[in-house]
Amino acid sequence: MAFETYAQVRPYARSIRENTLLRTMPPWFADPCCGHFSNNPSLSQAEIETLAAWADAHAPAGDPHDAPAPVRWIEGWNIEKPDVVLQMPVAKHIPASGDVPYQYIIIPTHFKEDRWVQMSEIRPSNRTVVHHAVAYIRDPESPWLRGAPVGVPFSANDLPDGKLRRDAIWTNSDILLVYAPGSQPDQWPEGFAKYIPAGSEVVLQMHYTTHGSATEDRTSVGLVFSKEPPRKRVLTLQLTNDRFVIPPGDPDKRVEVHGTLPNDALLLSFFPHMHLRGKSFEYNILEPHGRIRTLLRIPHYDFFWQLSYRLAAPIPLKAGTILQAIATFDNSRNNPHNPDPDSAVIWGEQTWAEMMVGFFDVAVDPGITKQQFFVRAPAQ
């Protein structure tokens, strides 16, 4: 529903009261126990009480002379006007039903010089069929998916040999950004940016879902370049566990993963990803003597609002810091979104399977590549 005019809002007064009192709107799932986040849209208690009082008073219109100036809504992009828009050269046809294998589209940037990207946004032309999208940066030296077609959608099944098919599933290429329902564009502070080397290509990984009628999508990626060379390069990393089994009917299956940071970095933000059985997610630092420092706790994960959580103040992390991600899954009949509570569930690309990925963003010196960041200093 639109909430642009009084006439549009008035019929929902009671619902607005209930949902803001319950804090289900605006959507925000971080437990206030842990961390402070710059993009927290939660209403203050005073704002919630104002809305409740307005609804209890039968939602009066008020004096139109007291109204603020009309809001100037953003048209098109949710970032500044992009300096460059990279669009899928051709649309992908989506059938009416069935599973659609992950699609890959290699889009040349034609950049003649290195670029620093301060803002970026993935914009599907048809959001109803895009489950998620990941934009990777394939630099000119990368062997990833060499031999795959350029400019047209393809799946791993379409590729001619086993190596290419395996390449489509896993890569160490840098991630430009991730899109999922509810997620926001990347907008890094001044002095922070992502790096695209000259001659690179953007590889879109698209997960499409069907909805009963044939349609198509032609996703675009908008880029806003940094005006000055940045002080820090942003890297998107991930903690992933792809070797779990969720038993049939299990209401609280715990899956965890941990990893050691190879070098010093500034921790910037988090983006957890699971599917329909996702129940909770948290990021921790495992400290000496068994202590646990929780950075983000999401007690009630919502597949339909996949949010980023951006730290209000970056956290300096030393090389050797142990980061942990813990997810729980509800594979019981009490989960109203569960596709099949009678089956065991493993990692899989489609929504009826599951994933456990804890994306997180760090900032490093601008001259360090992702590959160099993972070179560990010799043990003393």
Protein backbone atom coordinates (compact mmCIF):
# COMPACT_ATOMS: atom_id res chain seq x y z
CA MET A 1 0.00 0.00 0.00
CA ALA A 2 1.07 3.59 -0.57
CA PHE A 3 1.48 5.95 2.41
CA GLU A 4 1.88 9.22 0.52
CA THR A 5 -1.36 11.02 1.39
CA TYR A 6 -3.73 11.18 4.34
CA ALA A 7 -6.44 9.46 2.30
CA GLN A 8 -4.13 6.53 1.63
CA VAL A 9 -2.96 6.21 5.24
CA ARG A 10 -6.25 6.69 7.12
CA PRO A 11 -7.70 3.17 6.45
CA TYR A 12 -4.61 1.58 8.02
CA ALA A 13 -4.58 3.60 11.25
CA ARG A 14 -5.34 0.63 13.53
CA SER A 15 -2.84 -1.59 11.74
CA ILE A 16 -0.17 1.11 12.00
CA ARG A 17 -0.86 1.38 15.72
CA GLU A 18 -0.59 -2.38 16.26
CA ASN A 19 2.49 -2.96 14.16
CA THR A 20 4.46 -0.05 15.58
CA LEU A 21 3.55 -1.02 19.16
CA LEU A 22 4.80 -4.55 18.41
CA ARG A 23 7.85 -3.05 16.65
CA THR A 24 7.30 -5.26 13.62
CA MET A 25 7.39 -2.08 11.54
CA PRO A 26 9.69 -0.60 10.46
CA PRO A 27 11.41 -3.97 10.01
CA TRP A 28 14.54 -4.32 12.16
CA PHE A 29 15.65 -7.56 13.75
CA ALA A 30 18.84 -6.77 15.68
CA ASP A 31 18.62 -7.52 19.40
CA PRO A 32 19.35 -4.23 21.25
CA CYS A 33 21.59 -6.25 23.58
CA CYS A 34 24.46 -6.15 21.15
CA GLY A 35 25.86 -3.47 18.90
CA HIS A 36 24.81 -0.06 17.60
CA PHE A 37 23.94 0.33 13.92
CA SER A 38 23.80 3.45 11.76
CA ASN A 39 20.92 2.21 9.58
CA ASN A 40 18.53 1.27 12.40
CA PRO A 41 15.12 2.64 11.28
CA SER A 42 13.33 1.86 14.55
CA LEU A 43 10.90 4.43 15.90
CA SER A 44 11.46 6.07 19.27
CA GLN A 45 9.02 5.35 22.08
CA ALA A 46 7.67 8.91 21.73
CA GLU A 47 7.00 8.36 18.00
CA ILE A 48 5.23 5.07 18.71
CA GLU A 49 3.06 6.72 21.37
CA THR A 50 2.19 9.56 18.98
CA LEU A 51 0.98 7.12 16.34
CA ALA A 52 -1.03 5.17 18.92
CA ALA A 53 -2.67 8.34 20.22
CA TRP A 54 -3.53 9.41 16.68
CA ALA A 55 -5.16 6.06 15.92
CA ASP A 56 -7.03 6.06 19.26
CA ALA A 57 -8.41 9.52 18.40
CA HIS A 58 -9.94 8.06 15.20
CA ALA A 59 -7.02 9.24 13.04
CA PRO A 60 -7.88 12.93 12.55
CA ALA A 61 -6.51 14.67 9.49
CA GLY A 62 -5.25 17.76 11.32
CA ASP A 63 -4.95 21.26 9.89
CA PRO A 64 -3.65 21.12 6.31
CA HIS A 65 -1.88 24.45 6.88
CA ASP A 66 0.40 22.66 9.37
CA ALA A 67 1.45 20.04 6.83
CA PRO A 68 5.13 19.93 5.81
CA ALA A 69 6.20 20.44 2.24
CA PRO A 70 5.49 17.43 0.00
CA VAL A 71 8.19 14.79 0.04
CA ARG A 72 10.36 14.62 -3.07
CA TRP A 73 10.46 10.88 -3.69
CA ILE A 74 13.49 9.37 -5.34
CA GLU A 75 12.80 8.28 -8.90
CA GLY A 76 14.64 5.29 -10.25
CA TRP A 77 17.81 4.71 -8.24
CA ASN A 78 18.07 4.80 -4.45
CA ILE A 79 21.64 6.09 -4.70
CA GLU A 80 22.87 9.26 -6.34
CA LYS A 81 22.53 9.36 -10.11
CA PRO A 82 24.90 6.60 -11.24
CA ASP A 83 28.05 7.51 -13.12
CA VAL A 84 27.74 4.19 -14.95
CA VAL A 85 24.88 1.72 -15.37
CA LEU A 86 25.77 -1.86 -16.32
CA GLN A 87 22.69 -3.68 -17.61
CA MET A 88 22.20 -7.28 -18.65
CA PRO A 89 22.60 -7.05 -22.46
CA VAL A 90 19.57 -9.30 -22.96
CA ALA A 91 16.62 -10.17 -20.74
CA LYS A 92 16.32 -13.54 -19.03
CA HIS A 93 13.04 -15.36 -19.73
CA ILE A 94 11.51 -16.82 -16.56
CA PRO A 95 9.06 -19.72 -17.03
CA ALA A 96 5.72 -19.93 -15.27
CA SER A 97 6.71 -22.79 -12.97
CA GLY A 98 9.56 -25.05 -11.88
CA ASP A 99 13.05 -24.38 -10.56
CA VAL A 100 15.35 -22.04 -12.44
CA PRO A 101 19.06 -22.91 -12.06
CA TYR A 102 21.27 -20.03 -10.96
CA GLN A 103 21.93 -17.78 -13.93
CA TYR A 104 25.23 -16.02 -14.63
CA ILE A 105 25.67 -12.97 -16.83
CA ILE A 106 29.15 -11.64 -17.61
CA ILE A 107 28.94 -7.90 -18.31
CA PRO A 108 32.07 -6.09 -19.59
CA THR A 109 32.68 -2.73 -17.88
CA HIS A 110 34.96 -1.39 -20.65
CA PHE A 111 36.79 0.59 -17.95
CA LYS A 112 40.05 1.94 -19.36
CA GLU A 113 41.30 2.88 -15.89
CA ASP A 114 40.88 1.60 -12.34
CA ARG A 115 37.68 2.72 -10.61
CA TRP A 116 36.79 3.24 -6.96
CA VAL A 117 33.08 2.72 -6.27
CA GLN A 118 31.56 4.56 -3.32
CA MET A 119 27.92 3.67 -4.01
CA SER A 120 26.35 0.77 -5.88
CA GLU A 121 22.90 -0.68 -6.34
CA ILE A 122 21.52 -3.80 -8.00
CA ARG A 123 18.19 -2.95 -9.58
CA PRO A 124 16.11 -5.84 -10.98
CA SER A 125 13.62 -4.87 -13.65
CA ASN A 126 11.24 -7.49 -12.19
CA ARG A 127 11.62 -7.79 -8.41
CA THR A 128 8.85 -10.40 -8.13
CA VAL A 129 11.09 -13.13 -9.58
CA VAL A 130 14.51 -12.17 -8.14
CA HIS A 131 15.22 -14.17 -4.98
CA HIS A 132 18.70 -12.69 -4.74
CA ALA A 133 21.54 -11.39 -6.88
CA VAL A 134 25.29 -11.18 -6.30
CA ALA A 135 27.56 -8.94 -8.37
CA TYR A 136 31.14 -10.22 -8.54
CA ILE A 137 34.18 -8.40 -9.92
CA ARG A 138 36.15 -10.51 -12.40
CA ASP A 139 39.49 -8.76 -12.83
CA PRO A 140 41.50 -9.23 -16.04
CA GLU A 141 43.87 -11.73 -14.40
CA SER A 142 41.14 -13.97 -12.99
CA PRO A 143 40.73 -17.43 -14.58
CA TRP A 144 37.16 -17.67 -13.25
CA LEU A 145 34.61 -18.73 -15.89
CA ARG A 146 37.00 -18.13 -18.78
CA GLY A 147 35.40 -19.87 -21.74
CA ALA A 148 31.86 -19.13 -20.58
CA PRO A 149 29.67 -16.97 -22.84
CA VAL A 150 29.76 -13.20 -22.35
CA GLY A 151 26.64 -11.02 -22.33
CA VAL A 152 24.01 -13.78 -22.26
CA PRO A 153 22.49 -15.62 -19.28
CA PHE A 154 23.76 -19.16 -18.69
CA SER A 155 23.64 -21.74 -15.92
CA ALA A 156 26.32 -24.17 -14.78
CA ASN A 157 24.42 -26.90 -16.62
CA ASP A 158 24.92 -25.02 -19.89
CA LEU A 159 28.72 -25.05 -19.64
CA PRO A 160 30.68 -27.58 -21.72
CA ASP A 161 33.10 -29.07 -19.17
CA GLY A 162 33.32 -30.03 -15.51
CA LYS A 163 35.83 -27.36 -14.49
CA LEU A 164 33.63 -24.56 -15.78
CA ARG A 165 30.61 -26.08 -14.07
CA ARG A 166 32.47 -26.21 -10.75
CA ASP A 167 33.75 -22.65 -11.27
CA ALA A 168 30.19 -21.41 -11.47
CA ILE A 169 29.46 -22.63 -7.94
CA TRP A 170 32.47 -21.28 -6.01
CA THR A 171 34.77 -18.34 -6.61
CA ASN A 172 37.25 -16.22 -4.68
CA SER A 173 36.48 -13.17 -6.82
CA ASP A 174 35.71 -9.97 -4.94
CA ILE A 175 32.03 -9.24 -4.29
CA LEU A 176 30.80 -5.83 -5.43
CA LEU A 177 27.46 -6.12 -3.60
CA VAL A 178 24.55 -8.41 -2.76
CA TYR A 179 20.83 -7.85 -3.38
CA ALA A 180 17.97 -9.62 -1.59
CA PRO A 181 14.41 -8.52 -0.72
CA GLY A 182 14.66 -5.80 1.93
CA SER A 183 18.37 -5.14 1.40
CA GLN A 184 19.73 -1.65 0.80
CA PRO A 185 22.25 -0.34 -1.74
CA ASP A 186 25.87 0.03 -0.68
CA GLN A 187 26.74 3.61 0.29
CA TRP A 188 30.18 3.79 1.87
CA PRO A 189 31.34 6.77 3.95
CA GLU A 190 33.75 9.30 2.50
CA GLY A 191 37.18 7.74 2.23
CA PHE A 192 35.84 4.19 1.81
CA ALA A 193 35.21 2.48 -1.54
CA LYS A 194 35.28 -0.77 -3.47
CA TYR A 195 37.82 -1.34 -6.22
CA ILE A 196 37.22 -2.36 -9.85
CA PRO A 197 40.45 -2.75 -11.84
CA ALA A 198 40.61 -1.50 -15.41
CA GLY A 199 39.37 -4.08 -17.90
CA SER A 200 37.27 -5.95 -15.34
CA GLU A 201 33.87 -7.49 -15.90
CA VAL A 202 30.94 -7.68 -13.52
CA VAL A 203 29.53 -11.18 -13.20
CA LEU A 204 25.93 -11.26 -12.02
CA GLN A 205 24.76 -14.39 -10.24
CA MET A 206 20.94 -14.37 -10.39
CA HIS A 207 18.61 -16.62 -8.41
CA TYR A 208 15.16 -16.49 -10.02
CA THR A 209 11.93 -17.99 -8.69
CA THR A 210 8.74 -18.71 -10.63
CA HIS A 211 5.30 -17.32 -9.76
CA GLY A 212 2.71 -18.92 -12.03
CA SER A 213 3.11 -16.86 -15.18
CA ALA A 214 5.95 -16.49 -17.65
CA THR A 215 7.86 -13.22 -17.45
CA GLU A 216 11.37 -11.81 -17.86
CA ASP A 217 13.99 -9.75 -16.03
CA ARG A 218 16.82 -7.49 -17.13
CA THR A 219 18.73 -6.46 -14.02
CA SER A 220 21.02 -3.42 -13.90
CA VAL A 221 23.88 -2.37 -11.63
CA GLY A 222 24.39 1.34 -10.93
CA LEU A 223 27.79 2.66 -9.83
CA VAL A 224 28.76 6.00 -8.28
CA PHE A 225 32.50 6.59 -8.29
CA SER A 226 34.49 8.07 -5.42
CA LYS A 227 35.51 11.67 -6.07
CA GLU A 228 38.91 11.15 -4.41
CA PRO A 229 41.21 8.16 -3.94
CA PRO A 230 39.95 6.40 -0.79
CA ARG A 231 41.77 5.93 2.50
CA LYS A 232 40.34 2.41 2.82
CA ARG A 233 39.33 -0.38 0.46
CA VAL A 234 36.16 -2.29 1.36
CA LEU A 235 36.14 -6.08 1.01
CA THR A 236 33.09 -8.32 1.42
CA LEU A 237 34.00 -11.59 3.13
CA GLN A 238 31.88 -14.46 4.36
CA LEU A 239 31.60 -17.18 6.98
CA THR A 240 29.93 -20.14 5.30
CA ASN A 241 28.93 -23.63 6.43
CA ASP A 242 27.71 -25.78 3.53
CA ARG A 243 28.05 -29.21 5.20
CA PHE A 244 25.07 -29.36 7.54
CA VAL A 245 22.07 -31.68 7.71
CA ILE A 246 18.83 -30.43 9.31
CA PRO A 247 16.82 -33.47 10.50
CA PRO A 248 13.10 -33.77 9.63
CA GLY A 249 10.92 -31.90 12.12
CA ASP A 250 13.85 -30.38 14.02
CA PRO A 251 12.65 -27.03 15.45
CA ASP A 252 16.04 -25.71 16.54
CA LYS A 253 18.96 -27.07 14.53
CA ARG A 254 22.18 -25.21 15.33
CA VAL A 255 24.78 -24.69 12.58
CA GLU A 256 27.97 -22.77 13.17
CA VAL A 257 31.23 -21.81 11.52
CA HIS A 258 34.27 -19.86 12.60
CA GLY A 259 37.36 -18.46 10.96
CA THR A 260 40.51 -16.55 11.88
CA LEU A 261 41.04 -13.09 10.41
CA PRO A 262 44.29 -13.28 8.41
CA ASN A 263 45.25 -9.60 8.80
CA ASP A 264 44.20 -6.42 10.59
CA ALA A 265 40.96 -4.87 9.35
CA LEU A 266 38.13 -2.53 10.28
CA LEU A 267 34.80 -4.34 10.65
CA LEU A 268 32.01 -2.34 8.98
CA SER A 269 28.79 -4.33 8.59
CA PHE A 270 26.96 -7.66 8.44
CA PHE A 271 24.54 -9.35 6.05
CA PRO A 272 23.25 -12.79 7.15
CA HIS A 273 21.62 -15.07 4.58
CA MET A 274 19.44 -18.16 5.07
CA HIS A 275 16.30 -19.51 3.42
CA LEU A 276 12.77 -20.30 4.61
CA ARG A 277 13.80 -22.40 7.61
CA GLY A 278 16.10 -19.70 8.97
CA LYS A 279 15.27 -18.97 12.62
CA SER A 280 18.09 -16.96 14.19
CA PHE A 281 21.59 -15.74 13.38
CA GLU A 282 24.45 -14.19 15.31
CA TYR A 283 28.03 -13.03 14.81
CA ASN A 284 30.55 -13.37 17.62
CA ILE A 285 34.20 -12.86 18.44
CA LEU A 286 35.68 -15.84 20.29
CA GLU A 287 37.99 -14.32 22.87
CA PRO A 288 40.61 -16.01 25.06
CA HIS A 289 39.56 -18.12 28.02
CA GLY A 290 36.24 -19.06 26.44
CA ARG A 291 34.75 -15.57 26.44
CA ILE A 292 32.28 -14.70 23.68
CA ARG A 293 31.70 -11.15 22.45
CA THR A 294 28.47 -10.92 20.49
CA LEU A 295 28.56 -8.34 17.69
CA LEU A 296 25.07 -8.90 16.24
CA ARG A 297 22.21 -11.12 17.39
CA ILE A 298 19.08 -11.65 15.29
CA PRO A 299 16.63 -13.65 17.43
CA HIS A 300 13.98 -13.83 14.69
CA TYR A 301 15.37 -14.06 11.17
CA ASP A 302 12.95 -13.00 8.43
CA PHE A 303 13.57 -14.41 4.95
CA PHE A 304 11.33 -11.72 3.44
CA TRP A 305 13.28 -8.80 4.96
CA GLN A 306 16.98 -9.56 4.45
CA LEU A 307 18.65 -6.56 5.99
CA SER A 308 22.20 -5.29 6.27
CA TYR A 309 23.41 -4.18 9.69
CA ARG A 310 25.95 -1.34 9.47
CA LEU A 311 27.97 -0.58 12.56
CA ALA A 312 27.64 2.98 13.85
CA ALA A 313 31.37 2.89 14.62
CA PRO A 314 33.73 0.48 12.81
CA ILE A 315 35.42 -2.08 15.06
CA PRO A 316 39.20 -2.54 14.66
CA LEU A 317 40.08 -6.22 14.49
CA LYS A 318 43.57 -7.62 14.83
CA ALA A 319 45.00 -10.43 12.74
CA GLY A 320 44.20 -13.69 14.48
CA THR A 321 40.77 -12.57 15.69
CA ILE A 322 38.40 -15.55 15.63
CA LEU A 323 35.02 -14.69 14.13
CA GLN A 324 32.09 -17.05 14.61
CA ALA A 325 28.65 -17.21 12.99
CA ILE A 326 25.82 -19.28 14.48
CA ALA A 327 22.53 -19.99 12.72
CA THR A 328 19.51 -21.95 13.86
CA PHE A 329 16.88 -23.48 11.60
CA ASP A 330 13.26 -24.47 12.22
CA ASN A 331 12.38 -27.52 10.13
CA SER A 332 9.21 -28.25 12.11
CA ARG A 333 5.55 -28.02 11.20
CA ASN A 334 5.31 -24.96 13.45
CA ASN A 335 7.26 -22.99 10.85
CA PRO A 336 4.53 -21.65 8.53
CA HIS A 337 7.04 -21.09 5.70
CA ASN A 338 8.56 -24.59 5.84
CA PRO A 339 8.32 -26.21 2.38
CA ASP A 340 8.64 -29.79 3.72
CA PRO A 341 9.00 -30.57 7.45
CA ASP A 342 9.17 -34.32 6.76
CA SER A 343 12.47 -34.20 4.87
CA ALA A 344 16.06 -33.71 5.95
CA VAL A 345 17.54 -30.50 4.54
CA ILE A 346 21.05 -29.83 3.23
CA TRP A 347 22.78 -26.94 1.49
CA GLY A 348 21.26 -26.10 -1.87
CA GLU A 349 20.70 -23.25 -4.27
CA GLN A 350 16.92 -23.37 -4.40
CA THR A 351 14.64 -21.87 -1.76
CA TRP A 352 13.35 -25.30 -0.63
CA ALA A 353 16.93 -26.18 0.37
CA GLU A 354 18.97 -24.12 2.85
CA MET A 355 21.99 -21.85 3.08
CA MET A 356 24.08 -20.56 5.94
CA VAL A 357 26.18 -17.54 4.93
CA GLY A 358 27.36 -14.74 7.19
CA PHE A 359 28.56 -12.00 4.86
CA PHE A 360 30.53 -9.19 6.51
CA ASP A 361 32.36 -6.12 5.23
CA VAL A 362 35.82 -5.00 6.30
CA ALA A 363 38.05 -2.08 5.35
CA VAL A 364 41.76 -2.47 4.63
CA ASP A 365 44.53 -0.34 3.15
CA PRO A 366 43.66 0.59 -0.46
CA GLY A 367 46.72 -1.11 -1.92
CA ILE A 368 45.79 -4.55 -0.54
CA THR A 369 43.98 -6.97 -2.84
CA LYS A 370 41.59 -9.61 -1.55
CA GLN A 371 44.14 -12.30 -2.36
CA GLN A 372 46.88 -10.40 -0.49
CA PHE A 373 44.59 -9.93 2.52
CA PHE A 374 44.41 -13.71 2.90
CA VAL A 375 48.20 -14.13 2.95
CA ARG A 376 48.96 -14.81 6.62
CA ALA A 377 52.15 -13.68 8.30
CA PRO A 378 54.49 -16.53 9.25
CA ALA A 379 53.94 -17.85 12.77
CA GLN A 380 56.43 -16.43 15.26
